[in-house]
Amino acid sequence: MTTTQGYGGPGSGSGRTAPTVGFAARPPTGAGPAATRGVVEVLARMRALAAGLPAEDGVAVFNGVYLTVTEAVARRIGDGTFQDPAAAGELDIRFARRYFDAVDAAAAGLRPPACWRPLFQLRRHPGVHPLQFALAGINAHIGHDLALAVLDTCRALECEPAALEHDFDRVGGVLTSLEERIRELLMPGPDVLDVADPLTHLIGSWSLDKARDGAWVAARALWSVRRLPDVAEELTERLDAGVGLVGRMLLTPLPG
């Protein structure tokens, strides 16, 4: 068997070889009732979480951001935005499930993945700004969960990661278009914020685009070693720990 080679990530323009034997170059097309129903269920779960959490809770802040993004993706499934609506829907569902698993683990008193622990541990800290909560959740979900959701989707649809490239980029475009609006909604007003403010410095150190590109590289690396379980497990653990460290820094309590 051969794996795809020479692809540097979304938008790199590099060439690639034929897909692995036994996996389709493209997943099935068409949104399909299962994908549509699954996205509806994801939205319902997020809305239920929103209704059950205090607005100032850090998880509630992230959940509100994620709900906005998922609603935007749901509106675009089937309208021609995605090359393969079924694949986009499957990725959206499996991506969300990783977040729900972390929520359920924390609610049960279990340890969620390392990437999520800072948010759950500091969710009620009075020195953490809402924008920090939002970015820490996005960091965990994009930096760690997205890579694993790509693998989940590839296994479910029996396709190569390259088959998801186009729609991965389209989802990323939705995220990028909403990022600035999210920052505007959660940032303090200009009367209390300037370039020397610690919050300005902190949020300027993190990039959604770079996190998304890193997730794509991680997904392809993990896919390439999927038949080496020990290596794949170690890579996954190190990815989780690294993203968790970034999340901890993003949630540094700030004065005032």
Protein backbone atom coordinates (compact mmCIF):
# COMPACT_ATOMS: atom_id res chain seq x y z
CA MET A 1 0.00 0.00 0.00
CA THR A 2 1.09 3.55 -0.64
CA THR A 3 0.07 6.67 1.19
CA THR A 4 -0.30 10.15 -0.19
CA GLN A 5 2.99 12.04 -0.29
CA GLY A 6 4.30 15.54 -0.89
CA TYR A 7 1.33 17.46 0.47
CA GLY A 8 2.26 20.28 2.81
CA GLY A 9 -1.20 21.19 4.08
CA PRO A 10 -4.23 23.21 3.00
CA GLY A 11 -3.48 25.66 0.25
CA SER A 12 0.10 24.45 -0.27
CA GLY A 13 -0.45 23.55 -3.91
CA SER A 14 1.94 20.57 -3.65
CA GLY A 15 1.38 17.46 -5.71
CA ARG A 16 0.34 14.10 -4.30
CA THR A 17 0.43 10.48 -5.38
CA ALA A 18 -2.45 8.10 -5.83
CA PRO A 19 -4.54 7.35 -2.72
CA THR A 20 -4.02 4.26 -0.61
CA VAL A 21 -5.47 1.10 -2.07
CA GLY A 22 -8.71 0.26 -0.31
CA PHE A 23 -9.62 3.88 0.43
CA ALA A 24 -11.54 6.09 -1.96
CA ALA A 25 -10.02 9.23 -3.43
CA ARG A 26 -13.39 10.91 -2.80
CA PRO A 27 -16.03 10.02 -0.21
CA PRO A 28 -19.65 9.67 -1.36
CA THR A 29 -21.31 12.93 -2.42
CA GLY A 30 -24.66 14.40 -1.44
CA ALA A 31 -25.67 15.72 1.97
CA GLY A 32 -27.91 12.75 2.81
CA PRO A 33 -30.48 12.52 5.60
CA ALA A 34 -28.03 10.97 8.10
CA ALA A 35 -25.58 13.89 7.85
CA THR A 36 -28.37 16.45 8.05
CA ARG A 37 -29.96 14.71 11.03
CA GLY A 38 -26.59 14.41 12.74
CA VAL A 39 -25.86 18.13 12.42
CA VAL A 40 -29.33 18.93 13.78
CA GLU A 41 -28.58 16.71 16.80
CA VAL A 42 -25.25 18.46 17.33
CA LEU A 43 -26.97 21.84 17.35
CA ALA A 44 -29.61 20.58 19.78
CA ARG A 45 -26.92 19.35 22.19
CA MET A 46 -25.08 22.67 22.07
CA ARG A 47 -28.29 24.61 22.70
CA ALA A 48 -29.09 22.35 25.64
CA LEU A 49 -25.64 23.01 27.09
CA ALA A 50 -26.12 26.74 26.62
CA ALA A 51 -29.44 26.60 28.46
CA GLY A 52 -27.94 24.74 31.40
CA LEU A 53 -24.80 26.79 32.02
CA PRO A 54 -24.38 30.24 33.62
CA ALA A 55 -23.45 32.84 31.01
CA GLU A 56 -20.19 33.69 32.79
CA ASP A 57 -19.01 30.06 32.85
CA GLY A 58 -15.95 29.65 30.63
CA VAL A 59 -17.35 26.52 28.98
CA ALA A 60 -20.58 28.41 28.25
CA VAL A 61 -18.55 31.17 26.56
CA PHE A 62 -16.83 28.68 24.27
CA ASN A 63 -20.06 26.76 23.68
CA GLY A 64 -21.73 29.96 22.49
CA VAL A 65 -18.92 30.59 20.02
CA TYR A 66 -19.00 26.99 18.81
CA LEU A 67 -22.77 27.11 18.40
CA THR A 68 -22.46 30.20 16.21
CA VAL A 69 -19.85 28.49 14.03
CA THR A 70 -21.83 25.25 13.75
CA GLU A 71 -24.98 27.13 12.78
CA ALA A 72 -22.99 28.85 10.03
CA VAL A 73 -21.62 25.52 8.77
CA ALA A 74 -25.10 23.94 8.89
CA ARG A 75 -26.52 26.72 6.72
CA ARG A 76 -23.82 26.02 4.14
CA ILE A 77 -24.30 22.26 3.91
CA GLY A 78 -26.27 21.66 0.75
CA ASP A 79 -26.02 25.21 -0.64
CA GLY A 80 -22.99 24.51 -2.84
CA THR A 81 -20.36 25.76 -0.41
CA PHE A 82 -18.95 22.29 0.15
CA GLN A 83 -17.63 20.04 -2.58
CA ASP A 84 -18.95 17.03 -0.71
CA PRO A 85 -21.78 17.90 1.71
CA ALA A 86 -21.91 14.36 3.12
CA ALA A 87 -18.23 14.45 4.02
CA ALA A 88 -18.51 17.97 5.46
CA GLY A 89 -21.47 16.91 7.58
CA GLU A 90 -19.67 13.78 8.79
CA LEU A 91 -16.60 15.82 9.73
CA ASP A 92 -18.77 18.38 11.53
CA ILE A 93 -20.51 15.67 13.55
CA ARG A 94 -17.38 13.75 14.50
CA PHE A 95 -15.61 17.00 15.36
CA ALA A 96 -18.42 18.00 17.73
CA ARG A 97 -18.49 14.59 19.38
CA ARG A 98 -14.94 15.12 20.64
CA TYR A 99 -16.05 18.29 22.40
CA PHE A 100 -19.11 16.54 23.85
CA ASP A 101 -16.89 13.71 25.10
CA ALA A 102 -14.77 16.24 26.98
CA VAL A 103 -17.89 17.87 28.45
CA ASP A 104 -19.28 14.50 29.53
CA ALA A 105 -15.97 13.43 31.07
CA ALA A 106 -15.74 16.60 33.14
CA ALA A 107 -19.38 16.30 34.23
CA ALA A 108 -18.74 12.73 35.38
CA GLY A 109 -15.70 13.75 37.41
CA LEU A 110 -13.31 12.10 34.95
CA ARG A 111 -10.24 13.67 33.35
CA PRO A 112 -10.93 15.11 29.91
CA PRO A 113 -8.08 15.22 27.38
CA ALA A 114 -5.16 17.41 28.44
CA CYS A 115 -6.04 20.01 25.82
CA TRP A 116 -9.41 20.62 27.53
CA ARG A 117 -8.32 20.51 31.16
CA PRO A 118 -7.27 24.18 31.48
CA LEU A 119 -10.70 25.38 30.35
CA PHE A 120 -12.59 23.07 32.68
CA GLN A 121 -10.28 23.80 35.60
CA LEU A 122 -10.40 27.61 35.20
CA ARG A 123 -13.92 27.98 33.85
CA ARG A 124 -15.03 30.07 36.85
CA HIS A 125 -11.82 31.99 37.53
CA PRO A 126 -12.66 35.68 38.01
CA GLY A 127 -9.34 36.83 36.55
CA VAL A 128 -9.89 35.21 33.15
CA HIS A 129 -11.58 37.29 30.46
CA PRO A 130 -14.39 35.78 28.31
CA LEU A 131 -12.26 36.13 25.18
CA GLN A 132 -9.59 33.98 26.84
CA PHE A 133 -12.17 31.29 27.54
CA ALA A 134 -13.31 31.39 23.91
CA LEU A 135 -9.79 31.16 22.50
CA ALA A 136 -8.76 28.40 24.92
CA GLY A 137 -11.75 26.32 23.80
CA ILE A 138 -11.05 27.01 20.14
CA ASN A 139 -7.39 26.12 20.69
CA ALA A 140 -8.32 22.75 22.24
CA HIS A 141 -10.92 21.94 19.64
CA ILE A 142 -8.97 23.03 16.57
CA GLY A 143 -5.47 22.14 17.73
CA HIS A 144 -6.29 18.65 18.97
CA ASP A 145 -9.85 17.51 18.21
CA LEU A 146 -9.91 18.56 14.56
CA ALA A 147 -6.96 16.37 13.62
CA LEU A 148 -8.56 13.34 15.28
CA ALA A 149 -11.95 14.14 13.75
CA VAL A 150 -10.36 14.06 10.28
CA LEU A 151 -9.10 10.56 11.04
CA ASP A 152 -12.49 9.51 12.42
CA THR A 153 -14.14 10.77 9.24
CA CYS A 154 -11.66 9.06 6.94
CA ARG A 155 -12.26 5.75 8.67
CA ALA A 156 -16.03 6.17 8.58
CA LEU A 157 -16.11 7.10 4.90
CA GLU A 158 -13.16 4.90 3.88
CA CYS A 159 -11.34 7.76 2.22
CA GLU A 160 -7.93 9.41 2.38
CA PRO A 161 -7.40 12.72 4.22
CA ALA A 162 -6.72 14.32 0.83
CA ALA A 163 -10.35 13.59 -0.08
CA LEU A 164 -11.43 15.99 2.68
CA GLU A 165 -8.97 18.76 1.83
CA HIS A 166 -11.36 21.02 -0.08
CA ASP A 167 -14.12 20.91 2.51
CA PHE A 168 -11.62 21.14 5.38
CA ASP A 169 -10.51 24.45 3.85
CA ARG A 170 -14.12 25.59 3.43
CA VAL A 171 -14.89 24.91 7.08
CA GLY A 172 -11.70 26.80 7.93
CA GLY A 173 -12.94 29.70 5.85
CA VAL A 174 -16.14 29.81 7.90
CA LEU A 175 -14.10 29.84 11.11
CA THR A 176 -11.86 32.63 9.88
CA SER A 177 -14.79 34.76 8.77
CA LEU A 178 -16.31 34.49 12.23
CA GLU A 179 -13.12 34.92 14.24
CA GLU A 180 -12.96 38.69 13.90
CA ARG A 181 -16.62 39.07 14.84
CA ILE A 182 -16.10 36.86 17.87
CA ARG A 183 -13.13 38.95 18.98
CA GLU A 184 -15.13 42.15 18.54
CA LEU A 185 -17.99 40.80 20.61
CA LEU A 186 -15.80 39.61 23.48
CA MET A 187 -13.04 42.22 23.55
CA PRO A 188 -13.30 45.14 25.97
CA GLY A 189 -13.99 48.53 24.44
CA PRO A 190 -11.14 50.75 23.23
CA ASP A 191 -11.55 52.99 26.26
CA VAL A 192 -10.10 50.26 28.49
CA LEU A 193 -7.82 48.49 26.02
CA ASP A 194 -4.65 49.58 24.24
CA VAL A 195 -1.67 47.90 22.62
CA ALA A 196 0.12 47.66 25.94
CA ASP A 197 -2.75 45.83 27.61
CA PRO A 198 -1.85 42.25 28.70
CA LEU A 199 -5.01 40.87 27.07
CA THR A 200 -4.08 42.41 23.72
CA HIS A 201 -0.63 40.87 23.97
CA LEU A 202 -1.96 37.47 25.02
CA ILE A 203 -4.57 37.04 22.29
CA GLY A 204 -2.18 38.37 19.67
CA SER A 205 0.11 35.41 20.36
CA TRP A 206 -2.41 32.84 19.07
CA SER A 207 -3.52 32.31 15.46
CA LEU A 208 -6.57 30.35 14.32
CA ASP A 209 -5.10 29.89 10.83
CA LYS A 210 -1.87 28.45 12.18
CA ALA A 211 -3.78 26.17 14.55
CA ARG A 212 -5.91 24.90 11.67
CA ASP A 213 -2.87 24.32 9.44
CA GLY A 214 -1.20 22.47 12.31
CA ALA A 215 -4.29 20.29 12.73
CA TRP A 216 -4.14 19.32 9.07
CA VAL A 217 -0.46 18.38 9.30
CA ALA A 218 -1.15 16.40 12.48
CA ALA A 219 -4.04 14.56 10.84
CA ARG A 220 -1.90 13.53 7.88
CA ALA A 221 0.97 12.48 10.13
CA LEU A 222 -1.32 10.35 12.30
CA TRP A 223 -2.93 8.82 9.22
CA SER A 224 0.49 7.88 7.83
CA VAL A 225 1.35 5.94 11.02
CA ARG A 226 -2.07 4.39 11.60
CA ARG A 227 -0.59 0.88 11.25
CA LEU A 228 1.99 1.68 13.95
CA PRO A 229 -0.25 1.91 17.03
CA ASP A 230 2.53 2.70 19.50
CA VAL A 231 3.80 5.56 17.37
CA ALA A 232 0.30 6.85 16.70
CA GLU A 233 -0.53 6.76 20.41
CA GLU A 234 2.61 8.67 21.34
CA LEU A 235 2.02 11.29 18.65
CA THR A 236 -1.58 11.72 19.83
CA GLU A 237 -0.51 12.09 23.47
CA ARG A 238 2.14 14.67 22.60
CA LEU A 239 -0.30 16.61 20.45
CA ASP A 240 -2.78 16.63 23.32
CA ALA A 241 -0.18 17.77 25.86
CA GLY A 242 1.20 20.50 23.59
CA VAL A 243 -2.21 21.96 22.85
CA GLY A 244 -3.04 21.79 26.55
CA LEU A 245 0.07 23.81 27.38
CA VAL A 246 -0.99 26.53 24.94
CA GLY A 247 -4.47 26.52 26.48
CA ARG A 248 -2.99 26.99 29.95
CA MET A 249 -1.07 30.05 28.74
CA LEU A 250 -4.14 31.51 27.03
CA LEU A 251 -6.00 31.28 30.34
CA THR A 252 -3.40 33.18 32.35
CA PRO A 253 -5.42 35.27 34.86
CA LEU A 254 -4.99 38.98 34.15
CA PRO A 255 -5.19 41.98 36.50
CA GLY A 256 -8.27 44.18 36.48
